[in-house]
Amino acid sequence: AADCSRLQAWIGTRPSTSLSIGID
């Protein structure tokens, strides 16, 4: 399980695509 708060603070975004959309 990833804590991506540092990534979001650095580049302004983080992965967000839901599993259902990605698997489809």
PDB file of all heavy atoms in Angstrom:
ATOM      1  N   ALA A   1       0.867  -1.187   0.000  1.00  0.00           N
ATOM      2  CA  ALA A   1       0.000   0.000   0.000  1.00  0.00           C
ATOM      3  C   ALA A   1       0.895   1.226   0.000  1.00  0.00           C
ATOM      4  O   ALA A   1       1.851   1.300   0.782  1.00  0.00           O
ATOM      5  CB  ALA A   1      -0.915   0.015   1.223  1.00  0.00           C
ATOM      6  N   ALA A   2       0.605   2.169  -0.869  1.00  0.00           N
ATOM      7  CA  ALA A   2       1.476   3.328  -1.061  1.00  0.00           C
ATOM      8  C   ALA A   2       0.888   4.583  -0.426  1.00  0.00           C
ATOM      9  O   ALA A   2      -0.289   4.893  -0.613  1.00  0.00           O
ATOM     10  CB  ALA A   2       1.696   3.576  -2.549  1.00  0.00           C
ATOM     11  N   ASP A   3       1.727   5.293   0.303  1.00  0.00           N
ATOM     12  CA  ASP A   3       1.429   6.667   0.688  1.00  0.00           C
ATOM     13  C   ASP A   3       2.071   7.556  -0.371  1.00  0.00           C
ATOM     14  O   ASP A   3       3.298   7.590  -0.500  1.00  0.00           O
ATOM     15  CB  ASP A   3       2.003   6.962   2.068  1.00  0.00           C
ATOM     16  CG  ASP A   3       1.724   8.387   2.546  1.00  0.00           C
ATOM     17  OD1 ASP A   3       1.566   9.288   1.702  1.00  0.00           O
ATOM     18  OD2 ASP A   3       1.676   8.604   3.775  1.00  0.00           O
ATOM     19  N   CYS A   4       1.253   8.249  -1.140  1.00  0.00           N
ATOM     20  CA  CYS A   4       1.777   9.066  -2.252  1.00  0.00           C
ATOM     21  C   CYS A   4       1.678  10.561  -1.968  1.00  0.00           C
ATOM     22  O   CYS A   4       1.655  11.375  -2.907  1.00  0.00           O
ATOM     23  CB  CYS A   4       1.041   8.721  -3.546  1.00  0.00           C
ATOM     24  SG  CYS A   4       1.442   7.085  -4.169  1.00  0.00           S
ATOM     25  N   SER A   5       1.608  10.928  -0.697  1.00  0.00           N
ATOM     26  CA  SER A   5       1.483  12.351  -0.369  1.00  0.00           C
ATOM     27  C   SER A   5       2.710  13.148  -0.797  1.00  0.00           C
ATOM     28  O   SER A   5       2.599  14.300  -1.232  1.00  0.00           O
ATOM     29  CB  SER A   5       1.230  12.527   1.126  1.00  0.00           C
ATOM     30  OG  SER A   5       2.233  11.890   1.900  1.00  0.00           O
ATOM     31  N   ARG A   6       3.883  12.541  -0.706  1.00  0.00           N
ATOM     32  CA  ARG A   6       5.092  13.270  -1.138  1.00  0.00           C
ATOM     33  C   ARG A   6       5.095  13.477  -2.645  1.00  0.00           C
ATOM     34  O   ARG A   6       5.483  14.534  -3.138  1.00  0.00           O
ATOM     35  CB  ARG A   6       6.344  12.513  -0.710  1.00  0.00           C
ATOM     36  CG  ARG A   6       6.556  12.453   0.789  1.00  0.00           C
ATOM     37  CD  ARG A   6       7.984  12.040   1.108  1.00  0.00           C
ATOM     38  NE  ARG A   6       8.163  11.702   2.505  1.00  0.00           N
ATOM     39  CZ  ARG A   6       9.261  11.976   3.202  1.00  0.00           C
ATOM     40  NH1 ARG A   6      10.269  12.587   2.620  1.00  0.00           N
ATOM     41  NH2 ARG A   6       9.355  11.616   4.470  1.00  0.00           N
ATOM     42  N   LEU A   7       4.680  12.452  -3.380  1.00  0.00           N
ATOM     43  CA  LEU A   7       4.597  12.589  -4.836  1.00  0.00           C
ATOM     44  C   LEU A   7       3.625  13.692  -5.207  1.00  0.00           C
ATOM     45  O   LEU A   7       3.924  14.542  -6.068  1.00  0.00           O
ATOM     46  CB  LEU A   7       4.154  11.267  -5.460  1.00  0.00           C
ATOM     47  CG  LEU A   7       3.966  11.285  -6.977  1.00  0.00           C
ATOM     48  CD1 LEU A   7       5.321  11.349  -7.680  1.00  0.00           C
ATOM     49  CD2 LEU A   7       3.184  10.048  -7.444  1.00  0.00           C
ATOM     50  N   GLN A   8       2.462  13.702  -4.588  1.00  0.00           N
ATOM     51  CA  GLN A   8       1.461  14.718  -4.909  1.00  0.00           C
ATOM     52  C   GLN A   8       1.977  16.113  -4.584  1.00  0.00           C
ATOM     53  O   GLN A   8       1.748  17.070  -5.349  1.00  0.00           O
ATOM     54  CB  GLN A   8       0.166  14.445  -4.152  1.00  0.00           C
ATOM     55  CG  GLN A   8      -0.967  15.383  -4.548  1.00  0.00           C
ATOM     56  CD  GLN A   8      -2.325  14.841  -4.172  1.00  0.00           C
ATOM     57  OE1 GLN A   8      -2.438  13.927  -3.363  1.00  0.00           O
ATOM     58  NE2 GLN A   8      -3.363  15.404  -4.764  1.00  0.00           N
ATOM     59  N   ALA A   9       2.674  16.264  -3.463  1.00  0.00           N
ATOM     60  CA  ALA A   9       3.228  17.570  -3.114  1.00  0.00           C
ATOM     61  C   ALA A   9       4.284  18.016  -4.118  1.00  0.00           C
ATOM     62  O   ALA A   9       4.427  19.214  -4.401  1.00  0.00           O
ATOM     63  CB  ALA A   9       3.825  17.526  -1.702  1.00  0.00           C
ATOM     64  N   TRP A  10       5.006  17.039  -4.709  1.00  0.00           N
ATOM     65  CA  TRP A  10       6.110  17.363  -5.618  1.00  0.00           C
ATOM     66  C   TRP A  10       5.622  17.713  -7.017  1.00  0.00           C
ATOM     67  O   TRP A  10       6.117  18.659  -7.635  1.00  0.00           O
ATOM     68  CB  TRP A  10       7.077  16.179  -5.667  1.00  0.00           C
ATOM     69  CG  TRP A  10       8.357  16.423  -6.406  1.00  0.00           C
ATOM     70  CD1 TRP A  10       8.705  15.933  -7.632  1.00  0.00           C
ATOM     71  CD2 TRP A  10       9.471  17.210  -5.968  1.00  0.00           C
ATOM     72  NE1 TRP A  10       9.964  16.356  -7.983  1.00  0.00           N
ATOM     73  CE2 TRP A  10      10.466  17.149  -6.983  1.00  0.00           C
ATOM     74  CE3 TRP A  10       9.729  17.958  -4.815  1.00  0.00           C
ATOM     75  CZ2 TRP A  10      11.688  17.810  -6.866  1.00  0.00           C
ATOM     76  CZ3 TRP A  10      10.952  18.613  -4.710  1.00  0.00           C
ATOM     77  CH2 TRP A  10      11.908  18.533  -5.731  1.00  0.00           C
ATOM     78  N   ILE A  11       4.648  16.946  -7.539  1.00  0.00           N
ATOM     79  CA  ILE A  11       4.231  17.146  -8.936  1.00  0.00           C
ATOM     80  C   ILE A  11       2.773  17.595  -9.086  1.00  0.00           C
ATOM     81  O   ILE A  11       2.317  17.835 -10.197  1.00  0.00           O
ATOM     82  CB  ILE A  11       4.447  15.871  -9.779  1.00  0.00           C
ATOM     83  CG1 ILE A  11       3.590  14.706  -9.259  1.00  0.00           C
ATOM     84  CG2 ILE A  11       5.928  15.500  -9.819  1.00  0.00           C
ATOM     85  CD1 ILE A  11       3.633  13.480 -10.162  1.00  0.00           C
ATOM     86  N   GLY A  12       2.051  17.678  -7.972  1.00  0.00           N
ATOM     87  CA  GLY A  12       0.689  18.193  -8.032  1.00  0.00           C
ATOM     88  C   GLY A  12      -0.374  17.189  -8.415  1.00  0.00           C
ATOM     89  O   GLY A  12      -1.528  17.576  -8.642  1.00  0.00           O
ATOM     90  N   THR A  13      -0.027  15.911  -8.497  1.00  0.00           N
ATOM     91  CA  THR A  13      -1.013  14.889  -8.836  1.00  0.00           C
ATOM     92  C   THR A  13      -0.543  13.549  -8.314  1.00  0.00           C
ATOM     93  O   THR A  13       0.597  13.412  -7.854  1.00  0.00           O
ATOM     94  CB  THR A  13      -1.245  14.809 -10.356  1.00  0.00           C
ATOM     95  OG1 THR A  13      -2.374  13.983 -10.634  1.00  0.00           O
ATOM     96  CG2 THR A  13      -0.027  14.263 -11.085  1.00  0.00           C
ATOM     97  N   ARG A  14      -1.434  12.567  -8.392  1.00  0.00           N
ATOM     98  CA  ARG A  14      -1.101  11.203  -7.988  1.00  0.00           C
ATOM     99  C   ARG A  14      -2.001  10.269  -8.775  1.00  0.00           C
ATOM    100  O   ARG A  14      -3.016  10.682  -9.334  1.00  0.00           O
ATOM    101  CB  ARG A  14      -1.328  11.014  -6.490  1.00  0.00           C
ATOM    102  CG  ARG A  14      -2.741  11.305  -6.051  1.00  0.00           C
ATOM    103  CD  ARG A  14      -2.925  11.142  -4.567  1.00  0.00           C
ATOM    104  NE  ARG A  14      -2.747   9.772  -4.150  1.00  0.00           N
ATOM    105  CZ  ARG A  14      -2.560   9.394  -2.883  1.00  0.00           C
ATOM    106  NH1 ARG A  14      -2.519  10.309  -1.922  1.00  0.00           N
ATOM    107  NH2 ARG A  14      -2.431   8.123  -2.576  1.00  0.00           N
ATOM    108  N   PRO A  15      -1.665   8.977  -8.878  1.00  0.00           N
ATOM    109  CA  PRO A  15      -2.526   8.028  -9.585  1.00  0.00           C
ATOM    110  C   PRO A  15      -3.944   8.031  -9.022  1.00  0.00           C
ATOM    111  O   PRO A  15      -4.140   8.094  -7.806  1.00  0.00           O
ATOM    112  CB  PRO A  15      -1.835   6.685  -9.356  1.00  0.00           C
ATOM    113  CG  PRO A  15      -0.386   7.044  -9.213  1.00  0.00           C
ATOM    114  CD  PRO A  15      -0.388   8.342  -8.459  1.00  0.00           C
ATOM    115  N   SER A  16      -4.939   7.966  -9.932  1.00  0.00           N
ATOM    116  CA  SER A  16      -6.324   8.071  -9.473  1.00  0.00           C
ATOM    117  C   SER A  16      -7.310   7.206 -10.250  1.00  0.00           C
ATOM    118  O   SER A  16      -8.492   7.158  -9.903  1.00  0.00           O
ATOM    119  CB  SER A  16      -6.795   9.533  -9.552  1.00  0.00           C
ATOM    120  OG  SER A  16      -6.717  10.010 -10.890  1.00  0.00           O
ATOM    121  N   THR A  17      -6.884   6.530 -11.306  1.00  0.00           N
ATOM    122  CA  THR A  17      -7.803   5.711 -12.098  1.00  0.00           C
ATOM    123  C   THR A  17      -8.323   4.544 -11.264  1.00  0.00           C
ATOM    124  O   THR A  17      -7.538   3.793 -10.681  1.00  0.00           O
ATOM    125  CB  THR A  17      -7.107   5.172 -13.362  1.00  0.00           C
ATOM    126  OG1 THR A  17      -6.652   6.278 -14.140  1.00  0.00           O
ATOM    127  CG2 THR A  17      -8.057   4.328 -14.196  1.00  0.00           C
ATOM    128  N   SER A  18      -9.650   4.389 -11.204  1.00  0.00           N
ATOM    129  CA  SER A  18     -10.244   3.326 -10.397  1.00  0.00           C
ATOM    130  C   SER A  18      -9.938   1.958 -10.994  1.00  0.00           C
ATOM    131  O   SER A  18      -9.691   1.818 -12.194  1.00  0.00           O
ATOM    132  CB  SER A  18     -11.752   3.513 -10.301  1.00  0.00           C
ATOM    133  OG  SER A  18     -12.366   3.275 -11.556  1.00  0.00           O
ATOM    134  N   LEU A  19      -9.990   0.933 -10.141  1.00  0.00           N
ATOM    135  CA  LEU A  19      -9.722  -0.424 -10.604  1.00  0.00           C
ATOM    136  C   LEU A  19     -10.732  -0.847 -11.670  1.00  0.00           C
ATOM    137  O   LEU A  19     -10.350  -1.481 -12.661  1.00  0.00           O
ATOM    138  CB  LEU A  19      -9.769  -1.399  -9.428  1.00  0.00           C
ATOM    139  CG  LEU A  19      -9.451  -2.854  -9.784  1.00  0.00           C
ATOM    140  CD1 LEU A  19      -7.989  -3.007 -10.144  1.00  0.00           C
ATOM    141  CD2 LEU A  19      -9.819  -3.789  -8.628  1.00  0.00           C
ATOM    142  N   SER A  20     -11.994  -0.509 -11.492  1.00  0.00           N
ATOM    143  CA  SER A  20     -13.007  -0.935 -12.462  1.00  0.00           C
ATOM    144  C   SER A  20     -12.737  -0.351 -13.842  1.00  0.00           C
ATOM    145  O   SER A  20     -12.852  -1.052 -14.857  1.00  0.00           O
ATOM    146  CB  SER A  20     -14.403  -0.534 -11.985  1.00  0.00           C
ATOM    147  OG  SER A  20     -14.513   0.870 -11.814  1.00  0.00           O
ATOM    148  N   ILE A  21     -12.373   0.917 -13.905  1.00  0.00           N
ATOM    149  CA  ILE A  21     -12.064   1.539 -15.202  1.00  0.00           C
ATOM    150  C   ILE A  21     -10.795   0.930 -15.792  1.00  0.00           C
ATOM    151  O   ILE A  21     -10.744   0.580 -16.979  1.00  0.00           O
ATOM    152  CB  ILE A  21     -11.909   3.063 -15.041  1.00  0.00           C
ATOM    153  CG1 ILE A  21     -13.268   3.703 -14.729  1.00  0.00           C
ATOM    154  CG2 ILE A  21     -11.298   3.683 -16.300  1.00  0.00           C
ATOM    155  CD1 ILE A  21     -13.194   5.188 -14.418  1.00  0.00           C
ATOM    156  N   GLY A  22      -9.774   0.786 -14.974  1.00  0.00           N
ATOM    157  CA  GLY A  22      -8.518   0.231 -15.465  1.00  0.00           C
ATOM    158  C   GLY A  22      -8.665  -1.191 -15.963  1.00  0.00           C
ATOM    159  O   GLY A  22      -8.123  -1.555 -17.018  1.00  0.00           O
ATOM    160  N   ILE A  23      -9.407  -2.017 -15.240  1.00  0.00           N
ATOM    161  CA  ILE A  23      -9.592  -3.406 -15.650  1.00  0.00           C
ATOM    162  C   ILE A  23     -10.448  -3.492 -16.910  1.00  0.00           C
ATOM    163  O   ILE A  23     -10.186  -4.322 -17.791  1.00  0.00           O
ATOM    164  CB  ILE A  23     -10.219  -4.225 -14.507  1.00  0.00           C
ATOM    165  CG1 ILE A  23      -9.179  -4.468 -13.410  1.00  0.00           C
ATOM    166  CG2 ILE A  23     -10.766  -5.556 -15.016  1.00  0.00           C
ATOM    167  CD1 ILE A  23      -8.002  -5.323 -13.847  1.00  0.00           C
ATOM    168  N   ASP A  24     -11.442  -2.640 -17.053  1.00  0.00           N
ATOM    169  CA  ASP A  24     -12.242  -2.625 -18.287  1.00  0.00           C
ATOM    170  C   ASP A  24     -11.353  -2.316 -19.497  1.00  0.00           C
ATOM    171  O   ASP A  24     -11.472  -2.957 -20.548  1.00  0.00           O
ATOM    172  CB  ASP A  24     -13.356  -1.585 -18.193  1.00  0.00           C
ATOM    173  CG  ASP A  24     -14.572  -2.097 -17.432  1.00  0.00           C
ATOM    174  OD1 ASP A  24     -14.656  -3.317 -17.198  1.00  0.00           O
ATOM    175  OD2 ASP A  24     -15.434  -1.279 -17.081  1.00  0.00           O
TER     176      ASP A  24
END
